Amino acid sequence: IQTAGLPVLKALVSALLYEDASRLTLLAIAFSLAVLSFTFRHPFGVIGPALVIGQTLATMFGAMALFGVPLSIVGLYLPGLVAVISIMDAIHIQSMYRKLCSHKRHGAAAIIEAASVAGAPMLYTAGTTCLGLLSLRVARLEAVRDLGTFGALGVAAAVVHTLITLPLVL
């Protein structure tokens, strides 16, 4: 016995999309952590951003669960996007911190200066990204609206977690 028709096709496409999205997210995170390892060559250069990614994804998925939003096919691509944005924020702070340490500034003073210098551009880019994602709220498809809403929330959470967690790790 074989099944055919539109419902079977939809089920197969959904299964393939879920599989591809999970693979894409894992590859994005693994590649980003490998770049961090190569760039900073220190465990703390990887641990801090990894914690930021974990916290950001937990915040985003927690908000989705809190508001009862199911994980749709469009929303499956959110973790990869948010993870990469989290890594970029962390790289800005860490690279500025490393630069200051190379100029004989260490400890809390270097962390505070790195966060203040790199924090402003980070806030501007996160703000424009959030506004761009929130513009998806006018879409007719509910999944696209959810992508915009929770993508913007994930970007904002990435900035907050970067500015709180990363200095603690450094």
C-alpha atoms as a PDB file:
ATOM      1  CA  ILE A   1       0.000   0.000   0.000  1.00  0.00           C
ATOM      2  CA  GLN A   2       1.301   3.442  -0.899  1.00  0.00           C
ATOM      3  CA  THR A   3       0.039   6.857   0.039  1.00  0.00           C
ATOM      4  CA  ALA A   4       0.014   9.791  -2.309  1.00  0.00           C
ATOM      5  CA  GLY A   5      -1.373  13.256  -2.678  1.00  0.00           C
ATOM      6  CA  LEU A   6      -0.927  16.699  -1.214  1.00  0.00           C
ATOM      7  CA  PRO A   7      -0.989  15.699   2.500  1.00  0.00           C
ATOM      8  CA  VAL A   8       1.847  13.225   1.975  1.00  0.00           C
ATOM      9  CA  LEU A   9       3.839  15.787   0.006  1.00  0.00           C
ATOM     10  CA  LYS A  10       3.333  18.387   2.758  1.00  0.00           C
ATOM     11  CA  ALA A  11       4.464  15.922   5.412  1.00  0.00           C
ATOM     12  CA  LEU A  12       7.601  15.017   3.452  1.00  0.00           C
ATOM     13  CA  VAL A  13       8.497  18.648   2.769  1.00  0.00           C
ATOM     14  CA  SER A  14       7.979  19.536   6.442  1.00  0.00           C
ATOM     15  CA  ALA A  15      10.191  16.666   7.571  1.00  0.00           C
ATOM     16  CA  LEU A  16      12.933  17.719   5.142  1.00  0.00           C
ATOM     17  CA  LEU A  17      12.727  21.350   6.254  1.00  0.00           C
ATOM     18  CA  TYR A  18      12.969  20.415   9.940  1.00  0.00           C
ATOM     19  CA  GLU A  19      15.972  18.231   9.199  1.00  0.00           C
ATOM     20  CA  ASP A  20      17.683  20.914   7.110  1.00  0.00           C
ATOM     21  CA  ALA A  21      17.020  23.649   9.657  1.00  0.00           C
ATOM     22  CA  SER A  22      18.445  21.655  12.550  1.00  0.00           C
ATOM     23  CA  ARG A  23      21.506  20.759  10.486  1.00  0.00           C
ATOM     24  CA  LEU A  24      21.946  24.407   9.425  1.00  0.00           C
ATOM     25  CA  THR A  25      21.735  25.621  13.029  1.00  0.00           C
ATOM     26  CA  LEU A  26      24.271  23.084  14.261  1.00  0.00           C
ATOM     27  CA  LEU A  27      26.625  23.898  11.388  1.00  0.00           C
ATOM     28  CA  ALA A  28      26.313  27.645  11.994  1.00  0.00           C
ATOM     29  CA  ILE A  29      27.108  27.268  15.680  1.00  0.00           C
ATOM     30  CA  ALA A  30      29.956  24.798  15.088  1.00  0.00           C
ATOM     31  CA  PHE A  31      31.515  26.963  12.382  1.00  0.00           C
ATOM     32  CA  SER A  32      31.203  30.078  14.528  1.00  0.00           C
ATOM     33  CA  LEU A  33      32.834  28.386  17.508  1.00  0.00           C
ATOM     34  CA  ALA A  34      35.619  27.082  15.262  1.00  0.00           C
ATOM     35  CA  VAL A  35      36.251  30.623  13.992  1.00  0.00           C
ATOM     36  CA  LEU A  36      36.346  31.845  17.598  1.00  0.00           C
ATOM     37  CA  SER A  37      38.835  29.123  18.512  1.00  0.00           C
ATOM     38  CA  PHE A  38      41.047  30.060  15.591  1.00  0.00           C
ATOM     39  CA  THR A  39      40.742  33.809  16.184  1.00  0.00           C
ATOM     40  CA  PHE A  40      41.199  34.052  19.938  1.00  0.00           C
ATOM     41  CA  ARG A  41      43.200  30.844  20.610  1.00  0.00           C
ATOM     42  CA  HIS A  42      42.055  30.713  24.229  1.00  0.00           C
ATOM     43  CA  PRO A  43      39.280  28.753  25.966  1.00  0.00           C
ATOM     44  CA  PHE A  44      37.694  31.941  27.305  1.00  0.00           C
ATOM     45  CA  GLY A  45      37.455  33.220  23.742  1.00  0.00           C
ATOM     46  CA  VAL A  46      35.040  30.360  23.064  1.00  0.00           C
ATOM     47  CA  ILE A  47      33.354  29.826  26.445  1.00  0.00           C
ATOM     48  CA  GLY A  48      31.948  33.347  26.720  1.00  0.00           C
ATOM     49  CA  PRO A  49      30.303  33.436  23.280  1.00  0.00           C
ATOM     50  CA  ALA A  50      29.026  29.861  23.738  1.00  0.00           C
ATOM     51  CA  LEU A  51      27.312  30.909  26.956  1.00  0.00           C
ATOM     52  CA  VAL A  52      25.869  33.962  25.236  1.00  0.00           C
ATOM     53  CA  ILE A  53      24.476  31.776  22.432  1.00  0.00           C
ATOM     54  CA  GLY A  54      22.927  29.350  24.906  1.00  0.00           C
ATOM     55  CA  GLN A  55      21.341  32.094  26.977  1.00  0.00           C
ATOM     56  CA  THR A  56      20.054  33.935  23.928  1.00  0.00           C
ATOM     57  CA  LEU A  57      18.449  30.845  22.409  1.00  0.00           C
ATOM     58  CA  ALA A  58      16.958  29.910  25.789  1.00  0.00           C
ATOM     59  CA  THR A  59      15.491  33.414  26.110  1.00  0.00           C
ATOM     60  CA  MET A  60      14.040  33.333  22.599  1.00  0.00           C
ATOM     61  CA  PHE A  61      12.545  29.836  22.863  1.00  0.00           C
ATOM     62  CA  GLY A  62      11.334  30.584  26.390  1.00  0.00           C
ATOM     63  CA  ALA A  63       9.474  33.651  25.130  1.00  0.00           C
ATOM     64  CA  MET A  64       7.958  31.601  22.320  1.00  0.00           C
ATOM     65  CA  ALA A  65       6.787  29.003  24.827  1.00  0.00           C
ATOM     66  CA  LEU A  66       5.501  31.678  27.201  1.00  0.00           C
ATOM     67  CA  PHE A  67       3.332  33.194  24.477  1.00  0.00           C
ATOM     68  CA  GLY A  68       2.242  29.801  23.155  1.00  0.00           C
ATOM     69  CA  VAL A  69       3.823  30.233  19.734  1.00  0.00           C
ATOM     70  CA  PRO A  70       4.495  26.872  18.072  1.00  0.00           C
ATOM     71  CA  LEU A  71       7.761  26.267  16.273  1.00  0.00           C
ATOM     72  CA  SER A  72       6.811  26.669  12.627  1.00  0.00           C
ATOM     73  CA  ILE A  73       8.847  25.918   9.545  1.00  0.00           C
ATOM     74  CA  VAL A  74       9.837  29.579   9.191  1.00  0.00           C
ATOM     75  CA  GLY A  75      10.801  29.759  12.878  1.00  0.00           C
ATOM     76  CA  LEU A  76      13.180  26.853  12.469  1.00  0.00           C
ATOM     77  CA  TYR A  77      15.692  29.170  10.860  1.00  0.00           C
ATOM     78  CA  LEU A  78      15.673  31.602  13.790  1.00  0.00           C
ATOM     79  CA  PRO A  79      18.274  29.779  15.941  1.00  0.00           C
ATOM     80  CA  GLY A  80      20.931  29.933  13.219  1.00  0.00           C
ATOM     81  CA  LEU A  81      20.310  33.628  12.623  1.00  0.00           C
ATOM     82  CA  VAL A  82      20.268  34.519  16.310  1.00  0.00           C
ATOM     83  CA  ALA A  83      23.334  32.377  17.075  1.00  0.00           C
ATOM     84  CA  VAL A  84      25.391  34.121  14.407  1.00  0.00           C
ATOM     85  CA  ILE A  85      24.299  37.556  15.624  1.00  0.00           C
ATOM     86  CA  SER A  86      25.214  36.554  19.192  1.00  0.00           C
ATOM     87  CA  ILE A  87      28.681  35.524  18.038  1.00  0.00           C
ATOM     88  CA  MET A  88      29.209  38.798  16.178  1.00  0.00           C
ATOM     89  CA  ASP A  89      28.332  40.822  19.269  1.00  0.00           C
ATOM     90  CA  ALA A  90      30.727  38.764  21.379  1.00  0.00           C
ATOM     91  CA  ILE A  91      33.532  39.128  18.829  1.00  0.00           C
ATOM     92  CA  HIS A  92      33.246  42.933  18.952  1.00  0.00           C
ATOM     93  CA  ILE A  93      33.658  43.048  22.733  1.00  0.00           C
ATOM     94  CA  GLN A  94      36.382  40.388  22.895  1.00  0.00           C
ATOM     95  CA  SER A  95      38.477  41.855  20.106  1.00  0.00           C
ATOM     96  CA  MET A  96      38.356  45.287  21.725  1.00  0.00           C
ATOM     97  CA  TYR A  97      39.294  43.718  25.062  1.00  0.00           C
ATOM     98  CA  ARG A  98      42.253  41.909  23.468  1.00  0.00           C
ATOM     99  CA  LYS A  99      43.377  45.131  21.802  1.00  0.00           C
ATOM    100  CA  LEU A 100      43.287  46.961  25.130  1.00  0.00           C
ATOM    101  CA  CYS A 101      45.177  44.135  26.841  1.00  0.00           C
ATOM    102  CA  SER A 102      47.879  44.395  24.190  1.00  0.00           C
ATOM    103  CA  HIS A 103      48.237  48.062  25.177  1.00  0.00           C
ATOM    104  CA  LYS A 104      48.930  47.065  28.805  1.00  0.00           C
ATOM    105  CA  ARG A 105      45.388  47.623  30.086  1.00  0.00           C
ATOM    106  CA  HIS A 106      44.011  44.671  32.030  1.00  0.00           C
ATOM    107  CA  GLY A 107      41.222  43.676  34.345  1.00  0.00           C
ATOM    108  CA  ALA A 108      37.994  45.479  35.008  1.00  0.00           C
ATOM    109  CA  ALA A 109      39.141  48.746  33.443  1.00  0.00           C
ATOM    110  CA  ALA A 110      39.846  47.047  30.103  1.00  0.00           C
ATOM    111  CA  ILE A 111      36.530  45.183  30.188  1.00  0.00           C
ATOM    112  CA  ILE A 112      34.571  48.352  30.930  1.00  0.00           C
ATOM    113  CA  GLU A 113      36.345  50.293  28.210  1.00  0.00           C
ATOM    114  CA  ALA A 114      35.874  47.465  25.687  1.00  0.00           C
ATOM    115  CA  ALA A 115      32.150  47.301  26.451  1.00  0.00           C
ATOM    116  CA  SER A 116      31.767  51.072  26.226  1.00  0.00           C
ATOM    117  CA  VAL A 117      33.695  51.409  22.954  1.00  0.00           C
ATOM    118  CA  ALA A 118      32.179  48.384  21.186  1.00  0.00           C
ATOM    119  CA  GLY A 119      28.801  48.677  22.912  1.00  0.00           C
ATOM    120  CA  ALA A 120      27.574  51.733  21.038  1.00  0.00           C
ATOM    121  CA  PRO A 121      28.022  50.287  17.515  1.00  0.00           C
ATOM    122  CA  MET A 122      26.580  47.000  18.793  1.00  0.00           C
ATOM    123  CA  LEU A 123      23.462  48.776  20.039  1.00  0.00           C
ATOM    124  CA  TYR A 124      23.026  50.622  16.736  1.00  0.00           C
ATOM    125  CA  THR A 125      23.352  47.510  14.601  1.00  0.00           C
ATOM    126  CA  ALA A 126      21.091  45.524  16.931  1.00  0.00           C
ATOM    127  CA  GLY A 127      18.539  48.337  16.873  1.00  0.00           C
ATOM    128  CA  THR A 128      18.399  48.495  13.101  1.00  0.00           C
ATOM    129  CA  THR A 129      18.265  44.691  12.852  1.00  0.00           C
ATOM    130  CA  CYS A 130      15.402  44.591  15.376  1.00  0.00           C
ATOM    131  CA  LEU A 131      13.489  47.260  13.468  1.00  0.00           C
ATOM    132  CA  GLY A 132      14.019  45.404  10.217  1.00  0.00           C
ATOM    133  CA  LEU A 133      12.761  42.170  11.719  1.00  0.00           C
ATOM    134  CA  LEU A 134       9.834  43.908  13.395  1.00  0.00           C
ATOM    135  CA  SER A 135       8.783  45.212   9.977  1.00  0.00           C
ATOM    136  CA  LEU A 136       7.779  41.612   9.254  1.00  0.00           C
ATOM    137  CA  ARG A 137       4.892  42.115  11.711  1.00  0.00           C
ATOM    138  CA  VAL A 138       2.826  43.528   8.830  1.00  0.00           C
ATOM    139  CA  ALA A 139       2.989  40.237   6.908  1.00  0.00           C
ATOM    140  CA  ARG A 140      -0.191  38.267   6.378  1.00  0.00           C
ATOM    141  CA  LEU A 141       1.325  34.917   7.300  1.00  0.00           C
ATOM    142  CA  GLU A 142       1.413  34.289  11.026  1.00  0.00           C
ATOM    143  CA  ALA A 143       4.690  32.341  10.777  1.00  0.00           C
ATOM    144  CA  VAL A 144       6.411  35.324   9.133  1.00  0.00           C
ATOM    145  CA  ARG A 145       5.043  37.677  11.807  1.00  0.00           C
ATOM    146  CA  ASP A 146       6.390  35.334  14.492  1.00  0.00           C
ATOM    147  CA  LEU A 147       9.758  35.256  12.723  1.00  0.00           C
ATOM    148  CA  GLY A 148       9.923  39.046  12.901  1.00  0.00           C
ATOM    149  CA  THR A 149       8.768  39.270  16.504  1.00  0.00           C
ATOM    150  CA  PHE A 150      10.933  36.575  18.015  1.00  0.00           C
ATOM    151  CA  GLY A 151      13.870  37.303  15.728  1.00  0.00           C
ATOM    152  CA  ALA A 152      13.894  40.864  17.049  1.00  0.00           C
ATOM    153  CA  LEU A 153      13.566  39.554  20.594  1.00  0.00           C
ATOM    154  CA  GLY A 154      16.490  37.188  19.993  1.00  0.00           C
ATOM    155  CA  VAL A 155      18.674  39.994  18.628  1.00  0.00           C
ATOM    156  CA  ALA A 156      17.862  42.193  21.628  1.00  0.00           C
ATOM    157  CA  ALA A 157      18.518  39.293  24.003  1.00  0.00           C
ATOM    158  CA  ALA A 158      21.873  38.687  22.303  1.00  0.00           C
ATOM    159  CA  VAL A 159      22.976  42.246  23.073  1.00  0.00           C
ATOM    160  CA  VAL A 160      21.811  42.055  26.681  1.00  0.00           C
ATOM    161  CA  HIS A 161      23.456  38.686  27.296  1.00  0.00           C
ATOM    162  CA  THR A 162      26.647  39.831  25.588  1.00  0.00           C
ATOM    163  CA  LEU A 163      26.891  42.938  27.746  1.00  0.00           C
ATOM    164  CA  ILE A 164      26.200  40.987  30.938  1.00  0.00           C
ATOM    165  CA  THR A 165      27.687  37.511  30.503  1.00  0.00           C
ATOM    166  CA  LEU A 166      30.770  38.225  28.415  1.00  0.00           C
ATOM    167  CA  PRO A 167      32.337  40.709  30.853  1.00  0.00           C
ATOM    168  CA  LEU A 168      31.800  38.182  33.646  1.00  0.00           C
ATOM    169  CA  VAL A 169      33.641  35.508  31.671  1.00  0.00           C
ATOM    170  CA  LEU A 170      36.453  37.872  30.657  1.00  0.00           C
END
